[in-house]
Amino acid sequence: MLYLVPTPIGNLADMTFRAVEVLKTADLILAEDTRTSSVLLNHYLIHKPLSPYHQHNEHKIVSHLVDQLKTGKNIALLTDAGTPGISDPAFLLVRACVENNVEVCCLPGATAFVPALVNSGLPTDAFCFEGFLPLKKGRQTLMKKLATEVRTMIFYESPMRLVKTLHLFIEYFGADRKCSVSRELSKKFEENKRGTLQEVYDYFNAKAVKGEIVIVVEGGN
């Protein structure tokens, strides 16, 4: 069986008992970054074979992994933080498993956009998750499409591009559109800044920013 195992987005204590048990009993653990995952595994005294699985090698090794799963091995897939497949590698392997009748189990657990959405104060009844915006090609087309989106919108962004992206949102959504920016979720210096796009832009434009970023933007009328 292939297990998709969510990992903490910051606080190591957010690991579930079930996730730890699955990792302890797996025959092989796949990790987006073995150095990052080693910290987590050592914290929970998990000592299992560890192999890299990321966007640069997944196309090459998917078939081999499916063959191993067919022999009866249990493989657990981790990403650096959060749930595999959510803006992180997993889709290709899951699809290959489904096509080859290999059982897949995704454990419930941490995903950064959920707490960011819930604590944003924006509507949660209907939303769209856009992940990371295209760096260049397709960005303008996507922004024109989202300009008419009525649902709450959720984006991931790096701290280096946060201010630039907020400025882009002002251009397409308007300066008065409400938003919330969450960073360092579940960590000691967690911050949730809420306000209009202009207010939040001005705030982050005047300070240095670190940590993973989730931007939640109000939908249009």
C-alpha atoms as a PDB file:
ATOM      1  CA  MET A   1       0.000   0.000   0.000  1.00  0.00           C
ATOM      2  CA  LEU A   2       1.055   3.581  -0.639  1.00  0.00           C
ATOM      3  CA  TYR A   3       0.563   5.839   2.374  1.00  0.00           C
ATOM      4  CA  LEU A   4       0.484   9.621   1.960  1.00  0.00           C
ATOM      5  CA  VAL A   5       1.597  10.948   5.331  1.00  0.00           C
ATOM      6  CA  PRO A   6       1.023  14.614   6.244  1.00  0.00           C
ATOM      7  CA  THR A   7       3.815  16.194   8.259  1.00  0.00           C
ATOM      8  CA  PRO A   8       3.761  19.250  10.568  1.00  0.00           C
ATOM      9  CA  ILE A   9       3.876  22.637   8.863  1.00  0.00           C
ATOM     10  CA  GLY A  10       6.015  23.982  11.678  1.00  0.00           C
ATOM     11  CA  ASN A  11       5.420  22.533  15.125  1.00  0.00           C
ATOM     12  CA  LEU A  12       6.702  18.945  15.337  1.00  0.00           C
ATOM     13  CA  ALA A  13       4.100  18.185  18.018  1.00  0.00           C
ATOM     14  CA  ASP A  14       1.382  18.352  15.350  1.00  0.00           C
ATOM     15  CA  MET A  15       2.334  14.903  14.055  1.00  0.00           C
ATOM     16  CA  THR A  16      -0.505  12.398  14.605  1.00  0.00           C
ATOM     17  CA  PHE A  17      -0.101   9.101  16.465  1.00  0.00           C
ATOM     18  CA  ARG A  18      -1.288   7.242  13.389  1.00  0.00           C
ATOM     19  CA  ALA A  19       1.232   8.977  11.127  1.00  0.00           C
ATOM     20  CA  VAL A  20       4.085   7.987  13.437  1.00  0.00           C
ATOM     21  CA  GLU A  21       2.862   4.377  13.517  1.00  0.00           C
ATOM     22  CA  VAL A  22       2.619   4.192   9.714  1.00  0.00           C
ATOM     23  CA  LEU A  23       6.160   5.528   9.335  1.00  0.00           C
ATOM     24  CA  LYS A  24       7.503   3.076  11.905  1.00  0.00           C
ATOM     25  CA  THR A  25       5.998   0.110  10.052  1.00  0.00           C
ATOM     26  CA  ALA A  26       6.701   1.204   6.464  1.00  0.00           C
ATOM     27  CA  ASP A  27       9.196  -0.737   4.368  1.00  0.00           C
ATOM     28  CA  LEU A  28      10.378   2.439   2.652  1.00  0.00           C
ATOM     29  CA  ILE A  29       9.892   6.161   3.257  1.00  0.00           C
ATOM     30  CA  LEU A  30       9.974   8.581   0.339  1.00  0.00           C
ATOM     31  CA  ALA A  31      10.872  12.166   1.162  1.00  0.00           C
ATOM     32  CA  GLU A  32      10.819  15.388  -0.840  1.00  0.00           C
ATOM     33  CA  ASP A  33      14.012  16.416   0.982  1.00  0.00           C
ATOM     34  CA  THR A  34      15.687  13.641   2.965  1.00  0.00           C
ATOM     35  CA  ARG A  35      17.575  16.148   5.122  1.00  0.00           C
ATOM     36  CA  THR A  36      14.355  17.881   6.215  1.00  0.00           C
ATOM     37  CA  SER A  37      12.499  14.626   6.790  1.00  0.00           C
ATOM     38  CA  SER A  38      15.424  13.165   8.750  1.00  0.00           C
ATOM     39  CA  VAL A  39      14.907  15.812  11.421  1.00  0.00           C
ATOM     40  CA  LEU A  40      11.284  14.728  11.843  1.00  0.00           C
ATOM     41  CA  LEU A  41      12.051  11.011  11.723  1.00  0.00           C
ATOM     42  CA  ASN A  42      14.871  11.303  14.266  1.00  0.00           C
ATOM     43  CA  HIS A  43      12.595  13.295  16.575  1.00  0.00           C
ATOM     44  CA  TYR A  44      10.158  10.374  16.653  1.00  0.00           C
ATOM     45  CA  LEU A  45      12.899   7.704  16.724  1.00  0.00           C
ATOM     46  CA  ILE A  46      11.914   6.344  13.318  1.00  0.00           C
ATOM     47  CA  HIS A  47      14.686   4.457  11.547  1.00  0.00           C
ATOM     48  CA  LYS A  48      13.586   3.200   8.144  1.00  0.00           C
ATOM     49  CA  PRO A  49      15.115   3.239   4.649  1.00  0.00           C
ATOM     50  CA  LEU A  50      14.757   6.770   3.270  1.00  0.00           C
ATOM     51  CA  SER A  51      14.796   7.693  -0.405  1.00  0.00           C
ATOM     52  CA  PRO A  52      14.338  11.017  -2.253  1.00  0.00           C
ATOM     53  CA  TYR A  53      11.127  11.637  -4.186  1.00  0.00           C
ATOM     54  CA  HIS A  54      10.700  15.090  -5.709  1.00  0.00           C
ATOM     55  CA  GLN A  55       9.688  16.897  -8.890  1.00  0.00           C
ATOM     56  CA  HIS A  56      13.094  16.330 -10.478  1.00  0.00           C
ATOM     57  CA  ASN A  57      13.130  12.533 -10.213  1.00  0.00           C
ATOM     58  CA  GLU A  58       9.502  11.425  -9.881  1.00  0.00           C
ATOM     59  CA  HIS A  59       8.996  10.752 -13.595  1.00  0.00           C
ATOM     60  CA  LYS A  60      11.997   8.422 -13.601  1.00  0.00           C
ATOM     61  CA  ILE A  61      11.159   6.330 -10.543  1.00  0.00           C
ATOM     62  CA  VAL A  62       7.360   6.058 -10.494  1.00  0.00           C
ATOM     63  CA  SER A  63       7.283   2.745 -12.397  1.00  0.00           C
ATOM     64  CA  HIS A  64       9.942   1.248 -10.134  1.00  0.00           C
ATOM     65  CA  LEU A  65       8.007   2.290  -7.037  1.00  0.00           C
ATOM     66  CA  VAL A  66       4.785   0.777  -8.372  1.00  0.00           C
ATOM     67  CA  ASP A  67       6.644  -2.490  -9.005  1.00  0.00           C
ATOM     68  CA  GLN A  68       7.809  -2.498  -5.381  1.00  0.00           C
ATOM     69  CA  LEU A  69       4.285  -1.843  -4.158  1.00  0.00           C
ATOM     70  CA  LYS A  70       2.985  -4.729  -6.247  1.00  0.00           C
ATOM     71  CA  THR A  71       5.332  -7.090  -4.415  1.00  0.00           C
ATOM     72  CA  GLY A  72       3.543  -6.221  -1.161  1.00  0.00           C
ATOM     73  CA  LYS A  73       5.756  -3.489   0.211  1.00  0.00           C
ATOM     74  CA  ASN A  74       4.300  -0.618   2.189  1.00  0.00           C
ATOM     75  CA  ILE A  75       5.685   2.755   1.116  1.00  0.00           C
ATOM     76  CA  ALA A  76       5.099   6.058   2.912  1.00  0.00           C
ATOM     77  CA  LEU A  77       5.437   9.356   1.073  1.00  0.00           C
ATOM     78  CA  LEU A  78       6.355  12.582   2.899  1.00  0.00           C
ATOM     79  CA  THR A  79       6.794  16.166   1.765  1.00  0.00           C
ATOM     80  CA  ASP A  80       8.775  18.819   3.631  1.00  0.00           C
ATOM     81  CA  ALA A  81       5.614  20.072   5.336  1.00  0.00           C
ATOM     82  CA  GLY A  82       1.889  19.497   4.980  1.00  0.00           C
ATOM     83  CA  THR A  83      -0.015  16.923   2.940  1.00  0.00           C
ATOM     84  CA  PRO A  84       1.626  15.269  -0.090  1.00  0.00           C
ATOM     85  CA  GLY A  85      -0.026  16.348  -3.335  1.00  0.00           C
ATOM     86  CA  ILE A  86      -1.004  19.825  -2.124  1.00  0.00           C
ATOM     87  CA  SER A  87       1.506  22.000  -4.020  1.00  0.00           C
ATOM     88  CA  ASP A  88       3.981  19.166  -3.487  1.00  0.00           C
ATOM     89  CA  PRO A  89       4.856  15.944  -5.389  1.00  0.00           C
ATOM     90  CA  ALA A  90       2.462  12.971  -5.118  1.00  0.00           C
ATOM     91  CA  PHE A  91       0.029  13.134  -8.036  1.00  0.00           C
ATOM     92  CA  LEU A  92       2.076  11.086 -10.518  1.00  0.00           C
ATOM     93  CA  LEU A  93       2.659   8.255  -8.058  1.00  0.00           C
ATOM     94  CA  VAL A  94      -0.947   8.209  -6.848  1.00  0.00           C
ATOM     95  CA  ARG A  95      -2.229   8.116 -10.424  1.00  0.00           C
ATOM     96  CA  ALA A  96       0.128   5.277 -11.303  1.00  0.00           C
ATOM     97  CA  CYS A  97      -1.023   3.331  -8.244  1.00  0.00           C
ATOM     98  CA  VAL A  98      -4.686   3.810  -9.158  1.00  0.00           C
ATOM     99  CA  GLU A  99      -4.019   2.680 -12.730  1.00  0.00           C
ATOM    100  CA  ASN A 100      -2.240  -0.432 -11.431  1.00  0.00           C
ATOM    101  CA  ASN A 101      -4.803  -1.310  -8.742  1.00  0.00           C
ATOM    102  CA  VAL A 102      -2.384  -0.533  -5.928  1.00  0.00           C
ATOM    103  CA  GLU A 103      -4.153   0.594  -2.781  1.00  0.00           C
ATOM    104  CA  VAL A 104      -3.589   4.216  -1.693  1.00  0.00           C
ATOM    105  CA  CYS A 105      -4.291   5.653   1.747  1.00  0.00           C
ATOM    106  CA  CYS A 106      -4.012   9.380   2.503  1.00  0.00           C
ATOM    107  CA  LEU A 107      -3.857  10.063   6.224  1.00  0.00           C
ATOM    108  CA  PRO A 108      -5.595  13.190   7.547  1.00  0.00           C
ATOM    109  CA  GLY A 109      -3.279  15.838   8.879  1.00  0.00           C
ATOM    110  CA  ALA A 110      -1.667  19.220   8.477  1.00  0.00           C
ATOM    111  CA  THR A 111      -2.263  21.396   5.413  1.00  0.00           C
ATOM    112  CA  ALA A 112      -1.217  25.040   5.654  1.00  0.00           C
ATOM    113  CA  PHE A 113      -4.136  26.568   3.778  1.00  0.00           C
ATOM    114  CA  VAL A 114      -6.817  25.207   6.144  1.00  0.00           C
ATOM    115  CA  PRO A 115      -5.832  27.123   9.306  1.00  0.00           C
ATOM    116  CA  ALA A 116      -4.998  30.182   7.184  1.00  0.00           C
ATOM    117  CA  LEU A 117      -8.488  30.113   5.658  1.00  0.00           C
ATOM    118  CA  VAL A 118     -10.318  29.461   8.898  1.00  0.00           C
ATOM    119  CA  ASN A 119      -8.585  32.219  10.871  1.00  0.00           C
ATOM    120  CA  SER A 120      -8.761  34.755   8.029  1.00  0.00           C
ATOM    121  CA  GLY A 121     -12.254  35.905   8.921  1.00  0.00           C
ATOM    122  CA  LEU A 122     -13.261  35.510   5.265  1.00  0.00           C
ATOM    123  CA  PRO A 123     -16.071  33.210   4.042  1.00  0.00           C
ATOM    124  CA  THR A 124     -15.208  29.511   4.282  1.00  0.00           C
ATOM    125  CA  ASP A 125     -18.372  28.019   2.770  1.00  0.00           C
ATOM    126  CA  ALA A 126     -16.934  28.124  -0.746  1.00  0.00           C
ATOM    127  CA  PHE A 127     -13.310  28.688  -1.732  1.00  0.00           C
ATOM    128  CA  CYS A 128     -10.752  27.905  -4.424  1.00  0.00           C
ATOM    129  CA  PHE A 129      -7.175  26.859  -3.776  1.00  0.00           C
ATOM    130  CA  GLU A 130      -4.749  28.189  -6.387  1.00  0.00           C
ATOM    131  CA  GLY A 131      -1.448  27.195  -4.788  1.00  0.00           C
ATOM    132  CA  PHE A 132       1.573  29.041  -6.185  1.00  0.00           C
ATOM    133  CA  LEU A 133       0.933  31.461  -9.039  1.00  0.00           C
ATOM    134  CA  PRO A 134       2.766  30.776 -12.315  1.00  0.00           C
ATOM    135  CA  LEU A 135       6.055  32.653 -12.254  1.00  0.00           C
ATOM    136  CA  LYS A 136       5.674  34.004 -15.786  1.00  0.00           C
ATOM    137  CA  LYS A 137       3.757  32.100 -18.462  1.00  0.00           C
ATOM    138  CA  GLY A 138       0.049  32.006 -17.764  1.00  0.00           C
ATOM    139  CA  ARG A 139       0.104  34.434 -14.843  1.00  0.00           C
ATOM    140  CA  GLN A 140      -1.750  37.251 -16.586  1.00  0.00           C
ATOM    141  CA  THR A 141      -4.349  34.865 -18.015  1.00  0.00           C
ATOM    142  CA  LEU A 142      -4.965  33.383 -14.577  1.00  0.00           C
ATOM    143  CA  MET A 143      -5.280  36.786 -12.931  1.00  0.00           C
ATOM    144  CA  LYS A 144      -7.853  37.930 -15.495  1.00  0.00           C
ATOM    145  CA  LYS A 145      -9.859  34.775 -14.767  1.00  0.00           C
ATOM    146  CA  LEU A 146      -9.629  35.220 -10.990  1.00  0.00           C
ATOM    147  CA  ALA A 147     -10.714  38.850 -11.224  1.00  0.00           C
ATOM    148  CA  THR A 148     -14.293  37.561 -11.563  1.00  0.00           C
ATOM    149  CA  GLU A 149     -13.989  34.794  -8.961  1.00  0.00           C
ATOM    150  CA  VAL A 150     -16.688  35.103  -6.272  1.00  0.00           C
ATOM    151  CA  ARG A 151     -15.313  32.478  -3.907  1.00  0.00           C
ATOM    152  CA  THR A 152     -12.609  33.088  -1.312  1.00  0.00           C
ATOM    153  CA  MET A 153      -9.215  32.526  -2.971  1.00  0.00           C
ATOM    154  CA  ILE A 154      -6.180  30.902  -1.364  1.00  0.00           C
ATOM    155  CA  PHE A 155      -2.597  31.208  -2.573  1.00  0.00           C
ATOM    156  CA  TYR A 156       0.834  30.035  -1.463  1.00  0.00           C
ATOM    157  CA  GLU A 157       3.765  32.409  -1.859  1.00  0.00           C
ATOM    158  CA  SER A 158       7.418  32.761  -0.909  1.00  0.00           C
ATOM    159  CA  PRO A 159       8.499  35.600   1.394  1.00  0.00           C
ATOM    160  CA  MET A 160      10.669  37.037  -1.398  1.00  0.00           C
ATOM    161  CA  ARG A 161       7.675  37.490  -3.731  1.00  0.00           C
ATOM    162  CA  LEU A 162       4.992  38.382  -1.167  1.00  0.00           C
ATOM    163  CA  VAL A 163       5.006  42.160  -1.684  1.00  0.00           C
ATOM    164  CA  LYS A 164       5.139  41.839  -5.465  1.00  0.00           C
ATOM    165  CA  THR A 165       2.193  39.427  -5.427  1.00  0.00           C
ATOM    166  CA  LEU A 166       0.126  41.678  -3.143  1.00  0.00           C
ATOM    167  CA  HIS A 167       0.751  44.538  -5.572  1.00  0.00           C
ATOM    168  CA  LEU A 168      -0.420  42.297  -8.413  1.00  0.00           C
ATOM    169  CA  PHE A 169      -3.605  41.499  -6.477  1.00  0.00           C
ATOM    170  CA  ILE A 170      -4.273  45.202  -5.957  1.00  0.00           C
ATOM    171  CA  GLU A 171      -3.961  45.704  -9.705  1.00  0.00           C
ATOM    172  CA  TYR A 172      -6.484  42.980 -10.572  1.00  0.00           C
ATOM    173  CA  PHE A 173      -8.764  42.821  -7.497  1.00  0.00           C
ATOM    174  CA  GLY A 174      -8.704  46.406  -6.265  1.00  0.00           C
ATOM    175  CA  ALA A 175      -7.007  47.968  -3.248  1.00  0.00           C
ATOM    176  CA  ASP A 176     -10.111  47.685  -1.032  1.00  0.00           C
ATOM    177  CA  ARG A 177     -10.547  43.914  -1.392  1.00  0.00           C
ATOM    178  CA  LYS A 178     -10.184  42.207   1.992  1.00  0.00           C
ATOM    179  CA  CYS A 179      -7.384  39.704   2.558  1.00  0.00           C
ATOM    180  CA  SER A 180      -5.353  37.881   5.177  1.00  0.00           C
ATOM    181  CA  VAL A 181      -1.704  36.876   5.096  1.00  0.00           C
ATOM    182  CA  SER A 182      -0.548  34.066   7.388  1.00  0.00           C
ATOM    183  CA  ARG A 183       3.057  33.112   7.946  1.00  0.00           C
ATOM    184  CA  GLU A 184       4.960  30.811  10.280  1.00  0.00           C
ATOM    185  CA  LEU A 185       1.731  28.928  11.007  1.00  0.00           C
ATOM    186  CA  SER A 186       1.921  26.753  14.157  1.00  0.00           C
ATOM    187  CA  LYS A 187       5.351  28.182  15.032  1.00  0.00           C
ATOM    188  CA  LYS A 188       6.411  30.491  17.869  1.00  0.00           C
ATOM    189  CA  PHE A 189       6.262  33.636  15.727  1.00  0.00           C
ATOM    190  CA  GLU A 190       3.031  32.874  13.870  1.00  0.00           C
ATOM    191  CA  GLU A 191       1.521  35.988  12.333  1.00  0.00           C
ATOM    192  CA  ASN A 192      -1.860  36.627  10.733  1.00  0.00           C
ATOM    193  CA  LYS A 193      -2.224  40.070   9.173  1.00  0.00           C
ATOM    194  CA  ARG A 194      -5.734  41.016   8.072  1.00  0.00           C
ATOM    195  CA  GLY A 195      -7.093  44.068   6.276  1.00  0.00           C
ATOM    196  CA  THR A 196      -7.560  45.410   2.777  1.00  0.00           C
ATOM    197  CA  LEU A 197      -5.042  44.475   0.125  1.00  0.00           C
ATOM    198  CA  GLN A 198      -3.623  47.999   0.332  1.00  0.00           C
ATOM    199  CA  GLU A 199      -3.279  47.878   4.112  1.00  0.00           C
ATOM    200  CA  VAL A 200      -1.617  44.480   4.076  1.00  0.00           C
ATOM    201  CA  TYR A 201       0.648  45.517   1.198  1.00  0.00           C
ATOM    202  CA  ASP A 202       1.779  48.638   3.076  1.00  0.00           C
ATOM    203  CA  TYR A 203       2.431  46.577   6.206  1.00  0.00           C
ATOM    204  CA  PHE A 204       4.642  43.962   4.560  1.00  0.00           C
ATOM    205  CA  ASN A 205       6.329  46.454   2.256  1.00  0.00           C
ATOM    206  CA  ALA A 206       7.775  48.128   5.349  1.00  0.00           C
ATOM    207  CA  LYS A 207       9.302  45.025   6.967  1.00  0.00           C
ATOM    208  CA  ALA A 208      11.453  41.981   6.262  1.00  0.00           C
ATOM    209  CA  VAL A 209       9.451  38.776   5.950  1.00  0.00           C
ATOM    210  CA  LYS A 210      10.450  35.191   6.668  1.00  0.00           C
ATOM    211  CA  GLY A 211       8.618  31.874   6.654  1.00  0.00           C
ATOM    212  CA  GLU A 212       6.098  30.130   4.460  1.00  0.00           C
ATOM    213  CA  ILE A 213       3.234  32.362   3.299  1.00  0.00           C
ATOM    214  CA  VAL A 214      -0.478  31.735   2.766  1.00  0.00           C
ATOM    215  CA  ILE A 215      -2.543  34.552   1.232  1.00  0.00           C
ATOM    216  CA  VAL A 216      -6.327  34.446   1.525  1.00  0.00           C
ATOM    217  CA  VAL A 217      -8.284  36.931  -0.604  1.00  0.00           C
ATOM    218  CA  GLU A 218     -11.965  37.796  -0.509  1.00  0.00           C
ATOM    219  CA  GLY A 219     -13.974  36.848  -3.586  1.00  0.00           C
ATOM    220  CA  GLY A 220     -15.595  39.489  -5.756  1.00  0.00           C
ATOM    221  CA  ASN A 221     -19.248  40.494  -5.589  1.00  0.00           C
END
